């Protein structure tokens, strides 16, 4: 069949190109091309497998694994009820693929103070800027967040509103969840299932599922207890926010970790903070309370189960209702924003001290947030020390008013002694692993304890199975006090594992020293990036984001530096906090 007039689906220029090409083909070539194009269409359709209106796609996006945990829980439950369902990671999803789905469940978190989780940033940005029509899509959103931040659950909220604006229909209204997400996830799943058409004619009763994982597998729900071998102070004794190197005994434990991964650590509140809270609230440690259906002493709950540092919205509401003087209400203000800002500005212990009320033990427990595990990067390669897990910890303190408060997680770990037990679980960080190629150059950029995963990277190279050229740039405050892992880094330089080492010590003025160091060695940086180098950023988010933005601006004026390719080819890896 010969088509002379231009079909509306083609632009004029494209149609001319098609006519010019096909007019030069013989019969055999034309037959091959028609088969190739038909096969390509069939292949893409099969690969996407997303036009099936009966299929429900559960999308998750996050950094800590909470959204994935709920996604797998939902998948397990729906499969048991006979639904056709699959789970996908938004970090691996293009907008074009997403737009083909007919029934979508989205579970995603918000990182920090309003940012999308780093792994799904590309998908999020493309969705937010898209003008696609999604009128054939039905969806539901569960947004995870932390109400101590101003922009609570904003990533999920923005996705929900964008999908509605694009014409998609809600299966049910958006649900937001604070850090105790499981309490929200279970009833949300039950409500979601009630809104979906039955998968089979059989009636089924919904039972919350924990996950697909085997109950014996080590994970957040089933942590493993390991013992401390040693806890070494790395920084000078005069440094208040001391840095420690913690070594844990893994001889009888096997965790699925690679360099670049982290472990979650279950922490405890310091005894001094618990005592202070009990005294200021006029409560006794031996009083019994109920928490998630379990009876335990108030002291146990405050030490091991509950966050006593960040006041929740529910705490603010309770304290306001119990304050007979009206001073707490006056301090918070009338608007929701002023109340949130006020609760964010002071630690919980300070509020209890400054605004005394009469509260009972159960009332207090009911408005405290769950104590969350903390994530710490793996600081060693198991090829070098297979029976140990090394972590690097900075002991945080922060001031509020005239008081100084401890960072709970870091102070707990810094205070551990030999043979103390600590509960941990593995946390995969797929986007921060070493490259598949064992030969491409590595540019490792760290601030302070962000150096931890790079020590593991360098140990991996030193074991001989990889031959990367490695360049380490890291910043700290003072040379005499803070040259972390100095002797090991010097040995790595001498052995040739480290090609370049540039420590940056900024004193009281950090400025943009990391970028200045790269600019001073720009010939190396340009050459390595253009040779396919992978660039890794690890550590303080503010410092390293500033360095990254400066690099992007600087690269725009240098045609010989292909920085955009670095991003497009996923050779830029970030581990920021």
Protein backbone atom coordinates (compact mmCIF):
# COMPACT_ATOMS: atom_id res chain seq x y z
CA UNK A 1 0.00 0.00 0.00
CA UNK A 2 1.36 3.42 -0.94
CA UNK A 3 0.57 6.39 1.32
CA UNK A 4 1.04 9.70 -0.49
CA UNK A 5 -0.57 12.21 1.91
CA UNK A 6 0.99 12.89 5.31
CA UNK A 7 -0.78 11.18 8.27
CA UNK A 8 -1.60 13.60 11.07
CA UNK A 9 0.60 11.74 13.57
CA UNK A 10 3.75 12.86 11.71
CA UNK A 11 5.25 16.33 11.48
CA UNK A 12 5.96 17.59 7.94
CA UNK A 13 9.76 17.31 8.33
CA UNK A 14 9.56 13.77 9.73
CA UNK A 15 7.22 12.64 6.95
CA UNK A 16 9.60 13.94 4.26
CA UNK A 17 12.45 11.99 5.86
CA UNK A 18 10.34 8.81 5.88
CA UNK A 19 9.39 9.22 2.19
CA UNK A 20 13.00 9.93 1.20
CA UNK A 21 14.30 6.88 3.10
CA UNK A 22 11.67 4.38 1.95
CA UNK A 23 11.94 5.49 -1.68
CA UNK A 24 15.55 4.29 -1.69
CA UNK A 25 14.78 0.81 -0.30
CA UNK A 26 14.41 -2.29 -2.45
CA UNK A 27 11.72 -4.91 -1.76
CA UNK A 28 13.88 -7.03 0.56
CA UNK A 29 14.96 -4.02 2.57
CA UNK A 30 11.38 -2.78 2.85
CA UNK A 31 10.19 -6.16 4.13
CA UNK A 32 13.01 -6.27 6.71
CA UNK A 33 12.23 -2.74 7.92
CA UNK A 34 8.50 -3.44 8.29
CA UNK A 35 9.27 -6.57 10.30
CA UNK A 36 11.77 -4.72 12.45
CA UNK A 37 9.30 -1.94 13.27
CA UNK A 38 6.50 -4.40 14.04
CA UNK A 39 8.80 -6.40 16.28
CA UNK A 40 9.94 -3.26 18.07
CA UNK A 41 6.36 -2.24 18.83
CA UNK A 42 5.51 -5.74 20.08
CA UNK A 43 8.68 -5.84 22.19
CA UNK A 44 7.98 -2.50 23.82
CA UNK A 45 4.40 -3.49 24.54
CA UNK A 46 5.48 -6.76 26.11
CA UNK A 47 8.22 -5.10 28.14
CA UNK A 48 5.92 -2.48 29.52
CA UNK A 49 3.08 -4.95 30.19
CA UNK A 50 1.32 -1.97 31.66
CA UNK A 51 -1.71 -1.56 29.47
CA UNK A 52 -3.49 -4.40 31.22
CA UNK A 53 -6.47 -2.73 32.89
CA UNK A 54 -6.74 -5.55 35.43
CA UNK A 55 -3.20 -5.14 36.69
CA UNK A 56 -2.50 -3.01 39.76
CA UNK A 57 0.96 -1.44 39.92
CA UNK A 58 2.34 -0.58 43.36
CA UNK A 59 5.04 2.11 43.10
CA UNK A 60 7.38 2.93 45.96
CA UNK A 61 9.92 5.71 46.40
CA UNK A 62 12.16 6.40 49.38
CA UNK A 63 15.61 6.13 50.92
CA UNK A 64 15.11 4.24 54.19
CA UNK A 65 13.11 1.29 52.87
CA UNK A 66 9.84 2.17 54.64
CA UNK A 67 7.89 2.81 51.43
CA UNK A 68 9.19 -0.44 49.91
CA UNK A 69 8.22 -2.35 53.06
CA UNK A 70 4.61 -1.17 52.78
CA UNK A 71 4.60 -1.84 49.02
CA UNK A 72 5.67 -5.45 49.59
CA UNK A 73 3.11 -5.79 52.38
CA UNK A 74 0.39 -4.56 50.01
CA UNK A 75 1.60 -6.84 47.23
CA UNK A 76 1.57 -9.88 49.52
CA UNK A 77 -1.95 -9.12 50.69
CA UNK A 78 -3.33 -8.44 47.21
CA UNK A 79 -1.75 -11.56 45.71
CA UNK A 80 -3.38 -13.57 48.48
CA UNK A 81 -6.74 -12.12 47.47
CA UNK A 82 -6.25 -13.02 43.82
CA UNK A 83 -5.32 -9.62 42.36
CA UNK A 84 -2.88 -9.23 39.49
CA UNK A 85 -0.25 -6.95 41.02
CA UNK A 86 3.39 -5.98 40.61
CA UNK A 87 5.75 -3.73 42.59
CA UNK A 88 8.02 -1.17 40.91
CA UNK A 89 10.61 1.27 42.22
CA UNK A 90 10.07 4.89 41.13
CA UNK A 91 13.85 5.24 40.99
CA UNK A 92 13.79 2.90 37.98
CA UNK A 93 10.65 4.36 36.39
CA UNK A 94 10.39 6.75 33.44
CA UNK A 95 7.37 8.99 33.05
CA UNK A 96 6.61 7.33 29.71
CA UNK A 97 6.37 3.93 31.39
CA UNK A 98 4.35 5.32 34.29
CA UNK A 99 1.80 6.97 31.99
CA UNK A 100 0.78 3.56 30.57
CA UNK A 101 -0.42 2.23 33.90
CA UNK A 102 -4.18 2.06 34.47
CA UNK A 103 -4.35 1.39 38.22
CA UNK A 104 -1.52 2.77 40.33
CA UNK A 105 -0.83 2.78 44.07
CA UNK A 106 1.96 5.18 45.08
CA UNK A 107 3.76 4.95 48.41
CA UNK A 108 6.52 7.52 48.81
CA UNK A 109 8.35 9.49 51.46
CA UNK A 110 9.65 13.04 51.73
CA UNK A 111 13.34 13.55 52.44
CA UNK A 112 14.52 16.20 54.87
CA UNK A 113 12.63 19.48 54.72
CA UNK A 114 10.57 18.99 51.59
CA UNK A 115 12.80 17.24 49.04
CA UNK A 116 11.80 14.11 47.12
CA UNK A 117 13.92 11.07 48.01
CA UNK A 118 17.14 11.30 45.99
CA UNK A 119 16.69 7.98 44.11
CA UNK A 120 13.32 9.08 42.65
CA UNK A 121 14.24 12.73 41.98
CA UNK A 122 14.41 12.27 38.20
CA UNK A 123 10.94 10.70 38.05
CA UNK A 124 9.49 13.32 40.41
CA UNK A 125 10.90 16.27 38.44
CA UNK A 126 9.71 14.89 35.11
CA UNK A 127 6.21 14.31 36.51
CA UNK A 128 5.99 17.78 38.05
CA UNK A 129 6.98 19.45 34.75
CA UNK A 130 4.86 17.18 32.54
CA UNK A 131 1.80 18.22 30.54
CA UNK A 132 0.71 14.62 29.92
CA UNK A 133 -2.96 13.70 30.14
CA UNK A 134 -3.57 10.77 32.51
CA UNK A 135 -7.34 10.52 32.18
CA UNK A 136 -7.25 6.71 31.90
CA UNK A 137 -5.43 6.29 35.22
CA UNK A 138 -6.91 5.49 38.63
CA UNK A 139 -4.59 5.96 41.60
CA UNK A 140 -4.11 6.22 45.34
CA UNK A 141 -1.29 7.85 47.30
CA UNK A 142 0.12 7.04 50.73
CA UNK A 143 2.54 9.85 51.65
CA UNK A 144 5.12 9.13 54.36
CA UNK A 145 6.82 11.90 56.28
CA UNK A 146 7.97 13.40 59.54
CA UNK A 147 5.71 16.02 61.11
CA UNK A 148 8.66 17.67 62.82
CA UNK A 149 9.53 19.16 59.42
CA UNK A 150 7.60 22.10 57.99
CA UNK A 151 6.93 20.47 54.61
CA UNK A 152 5.32 17.34 56.01
CA UNK A 153 4.69 14.65 53.35
CA UNK A 154 5.01 17.27 50.60
CA UNK A 155 6.40 14.85 47.98
CA UNK A 156 3.37 12.57 48.17
CA UNK A 157 1.02 15.54 48.38
CA UNK A 158 2.51 17.10 45.25
CA UNK A 159 2.32 13.82 43.33
CA UNK A 160 -1.33 13.35 44.34
CA UNK A 161 -2.27 16.87 43.25
CA UNK A 162 -0.31 16.61 39.99
CA UNK A 163 -2.01 13.34 39.02
CA UNK A 164 -5.44 14.81 39.75
CA UNK A 165 -4.58 17.90 37.68
CA UNK A 166 -3.51 15.60 34.82
CA UNK A 167 -6.98 14.04 34.80
CA UNK A 168 -6.33 10.86 36.77
CA UNK A 169 -9.08 9.66 39.15
CA UNK A 170 -8.50 8.94 42.83
CA UNK A 171 -9.40 5.47 44.07
CA UNK A 172 -9.51 7.00 47.53
CA UNK A 173 -8.34 10.24 49.11
CA UNK A 174 -4.65 10.78 49.77
CA UNK A 175 -3.39 9.52 53.14
CA UNK A 176 -0.47 11.07 55.02
CA UNK A 177 1.53 9.28 57.71
CA UNK A 178 4.00 10.33 60.38
CA UNK A 179 7.02 8.27 61.44
CA UNK A 180 4.84 5.60 63.06
CA UNK A 181 3.78 4.62 59.54
CA UNK A 182 2.67 1.05 60.26
CA UNK A 183 -0.25 2.28 62.38
CA UNK A 184 -1.50 4.19 59.35
CA UNK A 185 -0.53 1.67 56.66
CA UNK A 186 -2.61 -1.25 57.96
CA UNK A 187 -6.00 0.55 58.04
CA UNK A 188 -5.13 2.37 54.80
CA UNK A 189 -4.57 -0.96 53.03
CA UNK A 190 -7.88 -2.24 54.37
CA UNK A 191 -9.68 0.88 53.14
CA UNK A 192 -7.94 0.68 49.76
CA UNK A 193 -9.04 -2.92 49.25
CA UNK A 194 -12.63 -1.99 50.05
CA UNK A 195 -12.55 0.53 47.18
CA UNK A 196 -11.25 -1.95 44.59
CA UNK A 197 -13.47 -4.39 42.71
CA UNK A 198 -13.19 -7.93 44.03
CA UNK A 199 -10.44 -9.95 42.37
CA UNK A 200 -12.41 -13.21 42.55
CA UNK A 201 -15.90 -14.35 43.44
CA UNK A 202 -14.58 -15.71 46.71
CA UNK A 203 -14.85 -13.57 49.81
CA UNK A 204 -11.65 -12.92 51.71
CA UNK A 205 -10.90 -11.35 55.03
CA UNK A 206 -8.03 -8.85 55.09
CA UNK A 207 -5.20 -9.71 57.47
CA UNK A 208 -2.26 -7.28 57.68
CA UNK A 209 0.91 -8.91 56.38
CA UNK A 210 4.35 -7.94 57.60
CA UNK A 211 6.19 -8.45 54.30
CA UNK A 212 7.24 -11.05 51.77
CA UNK A 213 10.47 -11.60 53.64
CA UNK A 214 10.99 -14.73 55.65
CA UNK A 215 10.44 -14.09 59.35
CA UNK A 216 13.95 -15.34 60.13
CA UNK A 217 15.58 -12.85 57.77
CA UNK A 218 17.45 -10.01 59.47
CA UNK A 219 15.65 -6.76 58.75
CA UNK A 220 14.13 -3.82 60.57
CA UNK A 221 11.46 -6.05 62.10
CA UNK A 222 13.99 -8.75 62.98
CA UNK A 223 17.27 -7.06 63.94
CA UNK A 224 20.30 -9.03 65.06
CA UNK A 225 22.25 -8.34 68.25
CA UNK A 226 26.02 -8.00 67.88
CA UNK A 227 28.76 -7.08 70.34
CA UNK A 228 31.25 -4.22 70.37
CA UNK A 229 34.90 -5.21 69.83
CA UNK A 230 36.29 -1.71 70.33
CA UNK A 231 35.25 1.95 70.21
CA UNK A 232 38.13 4.23 69.18
CA UNK A 233 38.12 8.02 69.41
CA UNK A 234 39.51 9.36 66.12
CA UNK A 235 39.46 13.09 66.82
CA UNK A 236 41.42 15.07 69.40
CA UNK A 237 40.28 15.00 73.03
CA UNK A 238 39.61 18.75 72.85
CA UNK A 239 36.99 18.42 70.12
CA UNK A 240 33.44 18.64 71.61
CA UNK A 241 31.70 16.84 68.72
CA UNK A 242 34.11 13.93 68.94
CA UNK A 243 34.38 11.34 66.17
CA UNK A 244 34.55 7.61 66.95
CA UNK A 245 35.36 4.46 65.00
CA UNK A 246 33.14 1.61 66.21
CA UNK A 247 34.04 -2.03 65.47
CA UNK A 248 31.31 -4.69 65.80
CA UNK A 249 31.77 -8.46 65.96
CA UNK A 250 30.16 -10.17 62.93
CA UNK A 251 31.78 -13.60 63.27
CA UNK A 252 28.46 -15.40 63.72
CA UNK A 253 26.35 -13.04 61.61
CA UNK A 254 25.97 -12.75 57.84
CA UNK A 255 24.31 -9.64 56.43
CA UNK A 256 23.70 -8.99 52.69
CA UNK A 257 25.83 -5.83 52.57
CA UNK A 258 28.22 -4.39 49.99
CA UNK A 259 30.51 -1.40 50.31
CA UNK A 260 28.31 1.68 49.93
CA UNK A 261 25.54 0.13 52.05
CA UNK A 262 24.60 1.05 55.61
CA UNK A 263 23.17 -0.54 58.74
CA UNK A 264 20.23 0.59 60.78
CA UNK A 265 21.01 0.79 64.49
CA UNK A 266 18.38 0.61 67.22
CA UNK A 267 19.31 3.24 69.78
CA UNK A 268 18.42 4.14 73.35
CA UNK A 269 17.76 7.50 74.96
CA UNK A 270 20.46 8.57 77.46
CA UNK A 271 19.58 7.80 81.08
CA UNK A 272 20.19 11.45 82.04
CA UNK A 273 17.59 12.66 79.52
CA UNK A 274 15.03 10.11 80.70
CA UNK A 275 15.60 11.11 84.32
CA UNK A 276 15.25 14.80 83.46
CA UNK A 277 11.94 14.20 81.67
CA UNK A 278 10.55 12.12 84.53
CA UNK A 279 11.51 14.76 87.08
CA UNK A 280 10.14 17.72 85.13
CA UNK A 281 6.88 15.88 84.35
CA UNK A 282 6.62 14.70 88.00
CA UNK A 283 6.28 11.06 86.96
CA UNK A 284 7.73 7.88 88.47
CA UNK A 285 9.86 5.49 86.41
CA UNK A 286 8.13 2.36 87.70
CA UNK A 287 4.63 3.46 86.59
CA UNK A 288 3.10 1.02 84.09
CA UNK A 289 1.97 2.12 80.63
CA UNK A 290 0.59 0.37 77.55
CA UNK A 291 2.41 0.69 74.24
CA UNK A 292 1.17 -1.14 71.14
CA UNK A 293 -0.74 -3.56 73.35
CA UNK A 294 2.26 -4.36 75.58
CA UNK A 295 2.52 -3.36 79.24
CA UNK A 296 5.89 -1.99 80.36
CA UNK A 297 7.34 0.51 82.80
CA UNK A 298 7.39 4.17 81.89
CA UNK A 299 11.19 4.21 82.23
CA UNK A 300 11.50 1.31 79.78
CA UNK A 301 9.20 3.01 77.27
CA UNK A 302 11.06 6.33 77.49
CA UNK A 303 14.48 4.68 77.25
CA UNK A 304 13.93 2.14 74.48
CA UNK A 305 10.73 2.86 72.58
CA UNK A 306 9.89 6.56 72.36
CA UNK A 307 11.44 9.73 70.95
CA UNK A 308 11.88 12.24 73.77
CA UNK A 309 13.67 14.88 71.71
CA UNK A 310 11.26 16.07 69.00
CA UNK A 311 7.79 17.25 70.10
CA UNK A 312 5.01 15.93 67.88
CA UNK A 313 1.87 17.79 66.86
CA UNK A 314 -0.08 15.56 69.24
CA UNK A 315 2.27 16.58 72.05
CA UNK A 316 1.55 20.23 71.30
CA UNK A 317 -2.20 19.63 71.36
CA UNK A 318 -2.01 17.74 74.65
CA UNK A 319 0.19 20.33 76.37
CA UNK A 320 -2.07 23.13 75.14
CA UNK A 321 -5.12 21.38 76.59
CA UNK A 322 -3.40 20.73 79.95
CA UNK A 323 -1.89 24.20 80.38
CA UNK A 324 -4.34 26.08 82.59
CA UNK A 325 -2.30 29.31 82.46
CA UNK A 326 -2.61 29.81 78.70
CA UNK A 327 1.10 30.53 78.32
CA UNK A 328 1.76 27.51 76.11
CA UNK A 329 -1.08 28.51 73.77
CA UNK A 330 0.22 32.08 73.63
CA UNK A 331 3.73 30.87 72.82
CA UNK A 332 2.49 28.64 70.00
CA UNK A 333 0.27 31.26 68.39
CA UNK A 334 -3.01 30.84 66.54
CA UNK A 335 -2.05 29.61 63.07
CA UNK A 336 -1.06 26.07 62.18
CA UNK A 337 2.21 27.38 60.78
CA UNK A 338 3.14 29.27 63.95
CA UNK A 339 2.35 26.19 66.04
CA UNK A 340 4.48 23.96 63.83
CA UNK A 341 7.34 26.48 63.84
CA UNK A 342 7.19 26.77 67.62
CA UNK A 343 7.28 23.00 68.19
CA UNK A 344 10.17 22.75 65.75
CA UNK A 345 12.16 25.46 67.54
CA UNK A 346 12.53 23.75 70.92
CA UNK A 347 13.42 20.24 72.14
CA UNK A 348 10.70 18.35 73.97
CA UNK A 349 12.66 18.39 77.25
CA UNK A 350 12.86 22.17 77.12
CA UNK A 351 9.10 22.51 76.57
CA UNK A 352 8.31 20.21 79.50
CA UNK A 353 10.62 22.27 81.72
CA UNK A 354 9.42 25.71 80.58
CA UNK A 355 5.70 24.90 80.52
CA UNK A 356 4.91 22.65 83.53
CA UNK A 357 1.55 20.87 83.43
CA UNK A 358 -0.07 17.98 85.28
CA UNK A 359 0.13 14.97 82.97
CA UNK A 360 -0.21 11.25 83.65
CA UNK A 361 2.16 8.61 82.32
CA UNK A 362 -0.20 7.14 79.71
CA UNK A 363 -1.09 10.58 78.37
CA UNK A 364 2.59 11.34 77.83
CA UNK A 365 3.36 8.02 76.17
CA UNK A 366 0.40 8.37 73.80
CA UNK A 367 1.72 11.60 72.25
CA UNK A 368 5.39 10.67 71.85
CA UNK A 369 6.72 9.55 68.49
CA UNK A 370 8.36 6.11 68.06
CA UNK A 371 12.12 6.08 68.58
CA UNK A 372 13.54 5.58 65.09
CA UNK A 373 16.67 3.56 64.26
CA UNK A 374 19.59 5.54 62.83
CA UNK A 375 21.48 4.69 59.64
CA UNK A 376 25.29 4.55 59.58
CA UNK A 377 27.49 3.82 56.57
CA UNK A 378 29.63 0.71 56.40
CA UNK A 379 33.27 1.83 56.90
CA UNK A 380 35.11 -1.34 55.94
CA UNK A 381 35.29 -3.93 53.18
CA UNK A 382 34.48 -7.48 54.24
CA UNK A 383 37.19 -8.63 51.86
CA UNK A 384 39.68 -7.05 54.25
CA UNK A 385 37.95 -7.70 57.60
CA UNK A 386 35.24 -10.34 56.99
CA UNK A 387 34.23 -10.85 60.63
CA UNK A 388 33.85 -7.19 61.56
CA UNK A 389 31.57 -4.26 60.78
CA UNK A 390 33.08 -0.78 61.15
CA UNK A 391 31.07 2.43 61.64
CA UNK A 392 32.13 6.07 61.91
CA UNK A 393 30.15 8.26 64.35
CA UNK A 394 30.23 11.97 65.09
CA UNK A 395 28.95 12.84 68.56
CA UNK A 396 26.39 15.59 68.06
CA UNK A 397 25.34 18.31 70.50
CA UNK A 398 23.00 21.19 69.83
CA UNK A 399 22.10 24.32 71.75
CA UNK A 400 18.61 25.64 72.48
CA UNK A 401 18.38 28.71 74.63
CA UNK A 402 20.86 28.38 77.45
CA UNK A 403 20.78 24.57 77.35
CA UNK A 404 22.87 22.09 75.37
CA UNK A 405 21.29 18.81 74.31
CA UNK A 406 22.78 15.54 73.09
CA UNK A 407 22.20 13.96 69.72
CA UNK A 408 20.55 10.74 70.89
CA UNK A 409 21.80 8.25 68.30
CA UNK A 410 25.38 9.45 68.05
CA UNK A 411 25.83 9.78 71.81
CA UNK A 412 24.41 6.30 72.37
CA UNK A 413 26.90 4.74 69.95
CA UNK A 414 29.81 6.88 71.15
CA UNK A 415 29.21 5.69 74.71
CA UNK A 416 29.30 1.96 73.90
CA UNK A 417 32.05 -0.10 75.50
CA UNK A 418 33.69 -3.42 74.66
CA UNK A 419 31.22 -6.35 74.79
CA UNK A 420 28.17 -4.07 74.87
CA UNK A 421 25.37 -5.40 72.65
CA UNK A 422 23.71 -3.37 69.89
CA UNK A 423 20.81 -4.32 67.59
CA UNK A 424 21.32 -3.75 63.85
CA UNK A 425 19.79 -4.57 60.46
CA UNK A 426 21.05 -4.15 56.86
CA UNK A 427 20.10 -1.16 54.73
CA UNK A 428 20.86 -1.38 51.00
CA UNK A 429 21.99 1.78 49.22
CA UNK A 430 21.90 0.60 45.61
CA UNK A 431 22.64 3.99 44.05
CA UNK A 432 25.81 4.40 46.12
CA UNK A 433 27.51 1.14 45.18
CA UNK A 434 30.80 0.98 43.28
CA UNK A 435 30.55 0.96 39.45
CA UNK A 436 30.06 -2.28 37.54
CA UNK A 437 33.29 -1.58 35.67
CA UNK A 438 36.28 -2.32 37.92
CA UNK A 439 38.53 0.10 36.05
CA UNK A 440 36.84 3.52 35.68
CA UNK A 441 38.28 6.36 37.80
CA UNK A 442 36.59 7.23 41.12
CA UNK A 443 36.36 10.81 42.43
CA UNK A 444 35.38 10.57 46.10
CA UNK A 445 34.22 13.82 47.76
CA UNK A 446 33.36 13.82 51.48
CA UNK A 447 32.71 16.12 54.38
CA UNK A 448 33.63 14.90 57.88
CA UNK A 449 32.18 11.44 58.64
CA UNK A 450 31.01 11.25 55.03
CA UNK A 451 34.46 9.75 54.47
CA UNK A 452 33.21 6.48 56.03
CA UNK A 453 31.97 4.67 52.88
CA UNK A 454 35.06 5.82 50.97
CA UNK A 455 37.34 4.04 53.42
CA UNK A 456 35.38 0.89 52.51
CA UNK A 457 35.69 1.70 48.78
CA UNK A 458 39.47 2.10 49.05
CA UNK A 459 39.85 -1.11 51.05
CA UNK A 460 37.89 -2.91 48.32
CA UNK A 461 40.30 -1.59 45.68
CA UNK A 462 43.29 -2.51 47.86
CA UNK A 463 42.16 -6.15 47.86
CA UNK A 464 43.18 -6.34 44.20
CA UNK A 465 39.97 -7.25 42.35
CA UNK A 466 39.47 -3.66 41.19
CA UNK A 467 41.93 -1.30 39.53
CA UNK A 468 40.25 2.11 39.78
CA UNK A 469 42.32 5.28 39.86
CA UNK A 470 41.03 6.92 43.06
CA UNK A 471 41.00 10.60 44.08
CA UNK A 472 39.81 11.52 47.57
CA UNK A 473 38.81 15.06 48.56
CA UNK A 474 37.47 15.52 52.08
CA UNK A 475 36.84 18.47 54.37
CA UNK A 476 37.14 18.84 58.12
CA UNK A 477 37.75 21.63 60.60
CA UNK A 478 41.32 21.46 61.91
CA UNK A 479 44.36 19.51 60.64
CA UNK A 480 45.77 18.78 64.10
CA UNK A 481 42.45 17.48 65.48
CA UNK A 482 40.48 16.15 62.55
CA UNK A 483 42.61 14.38 59.93
CA UNK A 484 40.42 11.27 60.05
CA UNK A 485 42.04 7.94 59.09
CA UNK A 486 45.31 9.79 58.41
CA UNK A 487 47.69 6.84 58.75
CA UNK A 488 45.49 4.53 56.65
CA UNK A 489 45.13 7.13 53.90
CA UNK A 490 48.88 7.70 53.79
CA UNK A 491 49.43 3.95 53.42
CA UNK A 492 46.86 3.87 50.60
CA UNK A 493 48.75 6.68 48.87
CA UNK A 494 52.06 4.89 49.26
CA UNK A 495 50.62 1.63 47.92
CA UNK A 496 49.16 3.38 44.88
CA UNK A 497 45.51 2.67 45.70
CA UNK A 498 44.97 6.42 46.17
CA UNK A 499 46.19 8.36 43.16
CA UNK A 500 45.39 11.78 44.65
CA UNK A 501 44.57 12.87 48.21
CA UNK A 502 43.40 16.40 49.00
CA UNK A 503 42.24 17.01 52.59
CA UNK A 504 40.66 20.44 53.14
CA UNK A 505 40.70 22.06 56.58
CA UNK A 506 38.46 25.09 56.82
CA UNK A 507 38.75 26.22 60.45
CA UNK A 508 35.80 28.41 61.42
CA UNK A 509 34.91 29.33 57.83
CA UNK A 510 33.93 26.46 55.56
CA UNK A 511 33.20 28.68 52.54
CA UNK A 512 33.30 26.52 49.41
CA UNK A 513 36.66 24.86 49.95
CA UNK A 514 35.72 21.60 48.25
CA UNK A 515 34.84 23.32 44.98
CA UNK A 516 37.95 25.50 45.22
CA UNK A 517 40.07 22.35 45.56
CA UNK A 518 38.52 20.85 42.42
CA UNK A 519 38.95 24.13 40.56
CA UNK A 520 42.63 24.21 41.55
CA UNK A 521 43.03 20.73 40.07
CA UNK A 522 40.62 21.15 37.19
CA UNK A 523 42.82 19.41 34.62
CA UNK A 524 42.62 16.17 36.60
CA UNK A 525 38.89 16.56 37.19
CA UNK A 526 38.08 17.25 33.53
CA UNK A 527 40.27 14.41 32.29
CA UNK A 528 38.83 11.87 34.72
CA UNK A 529 35.19 12.83 34.12
CA UNK A 530 35.70 12.61 30.36
CA UNK A 531 37.32 9.18 30.85
CA UNK A 532 34.10 7.91 32.44
CA UNK A 533 34.82 8.61 36.11
CA UNK A 534 32.11 8.11 38.71
CA UNK A 535 31.78 10.99 41.19
CA UNK A 536 30.57 10.27 44.74
CA UNK A 537 29.40 12.89 47.27
CA UNK A 538 29.04 11.82 50.90
CA UNK A 539 28.34 13.79 54.07
CA UNK A 540 26.82 17.14 55.04
CA UNK A 541 24.00 18.03 52.64
CA UNK A 542 24.43 21.81 52.78
CA UNK A 543 28.19 21.77 52.22
CA UNK A 544 28.16 19.21 49.41
CA UNK A 545 25.10 20.60 47.63
CA UNK A 546 26.85 23.96 47.54
CA UNK A 547 29.93 22.29 46.04
CA UNK A 548 27.80 20.42 43.47
CA UNK A 549 25.95 23.57 42.36
CA UNK A 550 29.24 25.43 41.98
CA UNK A 551 30.58 22.55 39.89
CA UNK A 552 27.55 22.61 37.60
CA UNK A 553 27.83 26.37 37.01
CA UNK A 554 31.57 26.12 36.46
CA UNK A 555 31.16 23.26 33.99
CA UNK A 556 28.69 25.22 31.82
CA UNK A 557 31.47 27.51 30.61
CA UNK A 558 33.81 24.62 29.75
CA UNK A 559 32.79 22.78 26.63
CA UNK A 560 35.53 20.20 27.11
CA UNK A 561 33.95 19.08 30.43
CA UNK A 562 30.94 16.82 29.88
CA UNK A 563 29.30 17.25 33.29
CA UNK A 564 25.79 16.72 31.89
CA UNK A 565 26.88 13.28 30.70
CA UNK A 566 27.97 12.50 34.25
CA UNK A 567 24.37 12.99 35.41
CA UNK A 568 22.65 11.45 32.38
CA UNK A 569 24.80 8.32 32.59
CA UNK A 570 24.15 7.98 36.34
CA UNK A 571 27.80 8.48 37.23
CA UNK A 572 27.00 11.01 39.97
CA UNK A 573 26.18 9.30 43.29
CA UNK A 574 25.03 11.09 46.44
CA UNK A 575 24.81 10.09 50.10
CA UNK A 576 23.81 13.35 51.80
CA UNK A 577 22.34 13.99 55.24
